[in-house]
C-alpha atoms as a PDB file:
ATOM      1  CA  MET A   1      82.979 116.586 161.831  1.00  0.00           C
ATOM      2  CA  LYS A   2      84.030 113.920 162.726  1.00  0.00           C
ATOM      3  CA  GLU A   3      86.433 111.725 159.747  1.00  0.00           C
ATOM      4  CA  SER A   4      85.133 109.019 157.701  1.00  0.00           C
ATOM      5  CA  GLY A   5      87.825 107.769 155.654  1.00  0.00           C
ATOM      6  CA  ASN A   6      88.444 111.161 152.967  1.00  0.00           C
ATOM      7  CA  GLU A   7      84.968 112.307 153.673  1.00  0.00           C
ATOM      8  CA  LYS A   8      83.661 114.757 157.340  1.00  0.00           C
ATOM      9  CA  LYS A   9      80.271 114.793 158.702  1.00  0.00           C
ATOM     10  CA  GLN A  10      79.046 116.641 161.101  1.00  0.00           C
ATOM     11  CA  VAL A  11      78.510 115.128 164.322  1.00  0.00           C
ATOM     12  CA  ILE A  12      75.613 116.505 166.628  1.00  0.00           C
ATOM     13  CA  LEU A  13      76.401 116.974 170.787  1.00  0.00           C
ATOM     14  CA  SER A  14      73.852 116.944 173.354  1.00  0.00           C
ATOM     15  CA  SER A  15      74.812 117.845 176.840  1.00  0.00           C
ATOM     16  CA  GLU A  16      73.702 118.763 179.997  1.00  0.00           C
ATOM     17  CA  ALA A  17      73.992 122.214 182.537  1.00  0.00           C
ATOM     18  CA  ASP A  18      77.681 119.893 183.288  1.00  0.00           C
ATOM     19  CA  TYR A  19      78.497 120.575 179.981  1.00  0.00           C
ATOM     20  CA  LYS A  20      80.682 117.020 180.259  1.00  0.00           C
ATOM     21  CA  GLU A  21      79.946 116.490 176.695  1.00  0.00           C
ATOM     22  CA  LEU A  22      81.059 120.416 175.133  1.00  0.00           C
ATOM     23  CA  HIS A  23      84.644 119.286 177.890  1.00  0.00           C
ATOM     24  CA  LYS A  24      85.051 115.830 176.387  1.00  0.00           C
ATOM     25  CA  TYR A  25      85.001 117.859 172.866  1.00  0.00           C
ATOM     26  CA  ILE A  26      87.314 120.427 173.998  1.00  0.00           C
ATOM     27  CA  LYS A  27      89.814 116.960 176.138  1.00  0.00           C
ATOM     28  CA  ARG A  28      89.710 115.029 172.778  1.00  0.00           C
ATOM     29  CA  ASN A  29      90.642 117.832 170.858  1.00  0.00           C
ATOM     30  CA  GLU A  30      93.134 118.982 172.497  1.00  0.00           C
ATOM     31  CA  LEU A  31      92.639 122.343 172.559  1.00  0.00           C
ATOM     32  CA  LYS A  32      93.950 125.133 174.496  1.00  0.00           C
ATOM     33  CA  ASN A  33      93.729 128.070 172.691  1.00  0.00           C
ATOM     34  CA  ILE A  34      89.899 128.966 172.040  1.00  0.00           C
ATOM     35  CA  LEU A  35      88.348 131.444 169.785  1.00  0.00           C
ATOM     36  CA  LEU A  36      85.155 131.383 171.168  1.00  0.00           C
ATOM     37  CA  VAL A  37      82.482 134.300 168.957  1.00  0.00           C
ATOM     38  CA  CYS A  38      79.763 135.177 170.942  1.00  0.00           C
ATOM     39  CA  GLY A  39      76.783 137.980 171.409  1.00  0.00           C
ATOM     40  CA  SER A  40      76.925 139.823 173.816  1.00  0.00           C
ATOM     41  CA  SER A  41      73.906 137.935 174.994  1.00  0.00           C
ATOM     42  CA  ILE A  42      76.111 135.742 176.845  1.00  0.00           C
ATOM     43  CA  LYS A  43      76.105 136.817 179.727  1.00  0.00           C
ATOM     44  CA  TYR A  44      73.057 135.475 180.198  1.00  0.00           C
ATOM     45  CA  LEU A  45      73.581 132.130 179.975  1.00  0.00           C
ATOM     46  CA  GLU A  46      74.282 129.451 181.964  1.00  0.00           C
ATOM     47  CA  ILE A  47      77.050 128.298 179.565  1.00  0.00           C
ATOM     48  CA  ASN A  48      78.891 131.470 180.132  1.00  0.00           C
ATOM     49  CA  LYS A  49      79.872 129.371 183.626  1.00  0.00           C
ATOM     50  CA  TYR A  50      81.922 127.230 181.927  1.00  0.00           C
ATOM     51  CA  PHE A  51      83.962 129.328 179.792  1.00  0.00           C
ATOM     52  CA  GLN A  52      84.328 131.305 182.709  1.00  0.00           C
ATOM     53  CA  LYS A  53      85.299 128.129 184.373  1.00  0.00           C
ATOM     54  CA  LEU A  54      88.013 127.231 182.202  1.00  0.00           C
ATOM     55  CA  GLU A  55      89.320 130.650 181.666  1.00  0.00           C
ATOM     56  CA  ALA A  56      90.016 130.872 185.671  1.00  0.00           C
ATOM     57  CA  GLU A  57      91.165 127.769 186.237  1.00  0.00           C
ATOM     58  CA  LYS A  58      93.904 128.389 183.642  1.00  0.00           C
ATOM     59  CA  CYS A  59      93.990 124.349 181.269  1.00  0.00           C
ATOM     60  CA  VAL A  60      92.411 126.669 178.237  1.00  0.00           C
ATOM     61  CA  GLN A  61      92.505 130.345 177.087  1.00  0.00           C
ATOM     62  CA  VAL A  62      89.206 131.262 175.657  1.00  0.00           C
ATOM     63  CA  LYS A  63      89.047 134.630 173.619  1.00  0.00           C
ATOM     64  CA  ARG A  64      86.136 136.454 172.542  1.00  0.00           C
ATOM     65  CA  PHE A  65      85.183 138.234 169.803  1.00  0.00           C
ATOM     66  CA  SER A  66      82.588 139.902 169.805  1.00  0.00           C
ATOM     67  CA  GLU A  67      82.332 142.761 167.259  1.00  0.00           C
ATOM     68  CA  PHE A  68      79.995 142.763 165.313  1.00  0.00           C
ATOM     69  CA  SER A  69      76.407 144.012 164.606  1.00  0.00           C
ATOM     70  CA  PRO A  70      72.681 141.583 163.879  1.00  0.00           C
ATOM     71  CA  ASN A  71      73.862 141.476 160.040  1.00  0.00           C
ATOM     72  CA  PRO A  72      77.647 140.624 160.102  1.00  0.00           C
ATOM     73  CA  ASP A  73      79.697 142.393 157.576  1.00  0.00           C
ATOM     74  CA  TYR A  74      82.849 141.900 155.881  1.00  0.00           C
ATOM     75  CA  GLU A  75      84.595 144.430 158.008  1.00  0.00           C
ATOM     76  CA  SER A  76      83.918 141.871 161.436  1.00  0.00           C
ATOM     77  CA  VAL A  77      84.818 138.764 159.593  1.00  0.00           C
ATOM     78  CA  VAL A  78      88.626 140.798 158.694  1.00  0.00           C
ATOM     79  CA  ALA A  79      88.179 142.079 162.195  1.00  0.00           C
ATOM     80  CA  GLY A  80      87.488 138.275 163.652  1.00  0.00           C
ATOM     81  CA  VAL A  81      89.992 136.255 161.564  1.00  0.00           C
ATOM     82  CA  LYS A  82      93.199 139.620 162.801  1.00  0.00           C
ATOM     83  CA  PHE A  83      92.024 138.370 165.875  1.00  0.00           C
ATOM     84  CA  PHE A  84      92.555 134.415 165.695  1.00  0.00           C
ATOM     85  CA  GLN A  85      95.676 135.326 163.832  1.00  0.00           C
ATOM     86  CA  LYS A  86      96.647 137.068 166.572  1.00  0.00           C
ATOM     87  CA  GLU A  87      95.466 135.263 169.455  1.00  0.00           C
ATOM     88  CA  LYS A  88      97.370 132.639 168.327  1.00  0.00           C
ATOM     89  CA  CYS A  89      94.053 130.460 168.266  1.00  0.00           C
ATOM     90  CA  ASP A  90      93.377 127.015 167.788  1.00  0.00           C
ATOM     91  CA  SER A  91      89.711 126.750 167.108  1.00  0.00           C
ATOM     92  CA  VAL A  92      86.563 128.182 167.088  1.00  0.00           C
ATOM     93  CA  ILE A  93      83.122 127.945 168.537  1.00  0.00           C
ATOM     94  CA  ALA A  94      80.781 129.893 168.211  1.00  0.00           C
ATOM     95  CA  VAL A  95      77.735 130.078 170.980  1.00  0.00           C
ATOM     96  CA  GLY A  96      74.936 132.455 169.828  1.00  0.00           C
ATOM     97  CA  GLY A  97      72.396 132.803 167.300  1.00  0.00           C
ATOM     98  CA  GLY A  98      72.636 133.016 163.394  1.00  0.00           C
ATOM     99  CA  SER A  99      75.270 136.369 163.792  1.00  0.00           C
ATOM    100  CA  ALA A 100      77.963 135.196 165.219  1.00  0.00           C
ATOM    101  CA  ILE A 101      77.673 131.129 163.696  1.00  0.00           C
ATOM    102  CA  ASP A 102      78.071 133.284 160.362  1.00  0.00           C
ATOM    103  CA  ILE A 103      81.126 135.548 161.609  1.00  0.00           C
ATOM    104  CA  ALA A 104      82.292 131.814 163.391  1.00  0.00           C
ATOM    105  CA  LYS A 105      81.950 129.941 159.915  1.00  0.00           C
ATOM    106  CA  CYS A 106      83.903 132.603 157.992  1.00  0.00           C
ATOM    107  CA  ILE A 107      86.927 133.022 160.280  1.00  0.00           C
ATOM    108  CA  ARG A 108      87.492 129.493 160.237  1.00  0.00           C
ATOM    109  CA  LEU A 109      86.979 129.393 156.538  1.00  0.00           C
ATOM    110  CA  TYR A 110      89.272 131.977 155.723  1.00  0.00           C
ATOM    111  CA  TYR A 111      91.711 131.876 159.258  1.00  0.00           C
ATOM    112  CA  GLY A 112      94.967 131.334 157.414  1.00  0.00           C
ATOM    113  CA  VAL A 113      94.613 134.060 154.207  1.00  0.00           C
ATOM    114  CA  ASP A 114      96.179 136.377 154.892  1.00  0.00           C
ATOM    115  CA  SER A 115      94.893 139.775 156.170  1.00  0.00           C
ATOM    116  CA  GLU A 116      95.626 142.471 153.624  1.00  0.00           C
ATOM    117  CA  LYS A 117      93.712 139.714 151.008  1.00  0.00           C
ATOM    118  CA  PHE A 118      90.010 140.286 149.737  1.00  0.00           C
ATOM    119  CA  PHE A 119      88.221 137.009 151.425  1.00  0.00           C
ATOM    120  CA  LEU A 120      85.774 136.472 149.385  1.00  0.00           C
ATOM    121  CA  HIS A 121      87.555 135.683 146.557  1.00  0.00           C
ATOM    122  CA  SER A 122      89.773 134.337 148.379  1.00  0.00           C
ATOM    123  CA  GLU A 123      91.036 130.715 147.131  1.00  0.00           C
ATOM    124  CA  VAL A 124      90.973 128.045 150.991  1.00  0.00           C
ATOM    125  CA  SER A 125      92.446 125.219 151.538  1.00  0.00           C
ATOM    126  CA  PHE A 126      93.433 125.196 155.307  1.00  0.00           C
ATOM    127  CA  ASP A 127      90.515 122.822 157.204  1.00  0.00           C
ATOM    128  CA  ASP A 128      93.340 121.725 159.901  1.00  0.00           C
ATOM    129  CA  ILE A 129      91.466 123.514 163.047  1.00  0.00           C
ATOM    130  CA  PRO A 130      87.764 122.215 165.424  1.00  0.00           C
ATOM    131  CA  PHE A 131      84.354 124.163 164.987  1.00  0.00           C
ATOM    132  CA  LEU A 132      81.907 123.801 167.104  1.00  0.00           C
ATOM    133  CA  ALA A 133      78.750 125.350 167.009  1.00  0.00           C
ATOM    134  CA  ILE A 134      76.556 126.345 170.287  1.00  0.00           C
ATOM    135  CA  PRO A 135      72.788 127.672 168.834  1.00  0.00           C
ATOM    136  CA  THR A 136      71.153 130.020 171.621  1.00  0.00           C
ATOM    137  CA  THR A 137      68.242 130.573 168.409  1.00  0.00           C
ATOM    138  CA  ALA A 138      65.595 128.585 167.410  1.00  0.00           C
ATOM    139  CA  GLY A 139      65.136 129.318 163.313  1.00  0.00           C
ATOM    140  CA  SER A 140      68.622 130.022 162.215  1.00  0.00           C
ATOM    141  CA  GLY A 141      70.304 126.955 161.337  1.00  0.00           C
ATOM    142  CA  SER A 142      72.996 128.073 160.651  1.00  0.00           C
ATOM    143  CA  GLU A 143      74.580 125.777 162.659  1.00  0.00           C
ATOM    144  CA  ALA A 144      74.078 122.943 160.290  1.00  0.00           C
ATOM    145  CA  THR A 145      74.516 123.945 156.815  1.00  0.00           C
ATOM    146  CA  GLY A 146      77.543 124.598 154.770  1.00  0.00           C
ATOM    147  CA  PHE A 147      77.342 128.493 153.838  1.00  0.00           C
ATOM    148  CA  ALA A 148      77.171 131.703 155.549  1.00  0.00           C
ATOM    149  CA  VAL A 149      75.854 135.422 154.836  1.00  0.00           C
ATOM    150  CA  VAL A 150      77.542 138.634 155.426  1.00  0.00           C
ATOM    151  CA  TYR A 151      76.985 142.013 153.903  1.00  0.00           C
ATOM    152  CA  TYR A 152      80.186 144.298 152.042  1.00  0.00           C
ATOM    153  CA  HIS A 153      79.409 146.923 151.182  1.00  0.00           C
ATOM    154  CA  GLY A 154      75.267 147.544 152.089  1.00  0.00           C
ATOM    155  CA  GLU A 155      75.566 144.025 149.506  1.00  0.00           C
ATOM    156  CA  LYS A 156      74.003 140.383 151.736  1.00  0.00           C
ATOM    157  CA  GLN A 157      76.442 137.870 149.976  1.00  0.00           C
ATOM    158  CA  SER A 158      76.200 134.423 150.738  1.00  0.00           C
ATOM    159  CA  VAL A 159      79.420 132.376 151.141  1.00  0.00           C
ATOM    160  CA  THR A 160      79.591 128.724 150.411  1.00  0.00           C
ATOM    161  CA  ASP A 161      81.789 125.622 151.709  1.00  0.00           C
ATOM    162  CA  LYS A 162      81.617 122.775 153.192  1.00  0.00           C
ATOM    163  CA  ARG A 163      84.753 123.201 154.996  1.00  0.00           C
ATOM    164  CA  MET A 164      82.046 125.456 157.458  1.00  0.00           C
ATOM    165  CA  ILE A 165      79.453 123.200 158.644  1.00  0.00           C
ATOM    166  CA  PRO A 166      80.746 123.197 161.882  1.00  0.00           C
END
């Protein structure tokens, strides 16, 4: 997102197979410790090689979080927030479909909340970390909205906040 006065607007990056625009984004935002929220299918994607290269060059640490199911549950959000906090991440990048992006959105929203609190009713005022979503499937639209879906005790919960717009 890019600041415009007091408002933020979504910025869409386009990148070829060399990932130059992604690399510029990482450098411009001075990212050093990225939380990469992705499913296990990332190992089949070319973008995985880019993140492996970043890790190998040791210029940026990439902490991978993939402990979520296709219908992400609240416990996965809590685990993701705890992981983000433990690893002292400075940003969130989601690669995947709607589930990966929704989990990343919730981590982005709740990263500063005490992990012992119930997130879904917590007041949040944090808005200072970069968040990028890289969709790998068509159709969910999760990369374009401030909405996320998580399941709590089997019940579908909608989480809404403009700070979740990647």
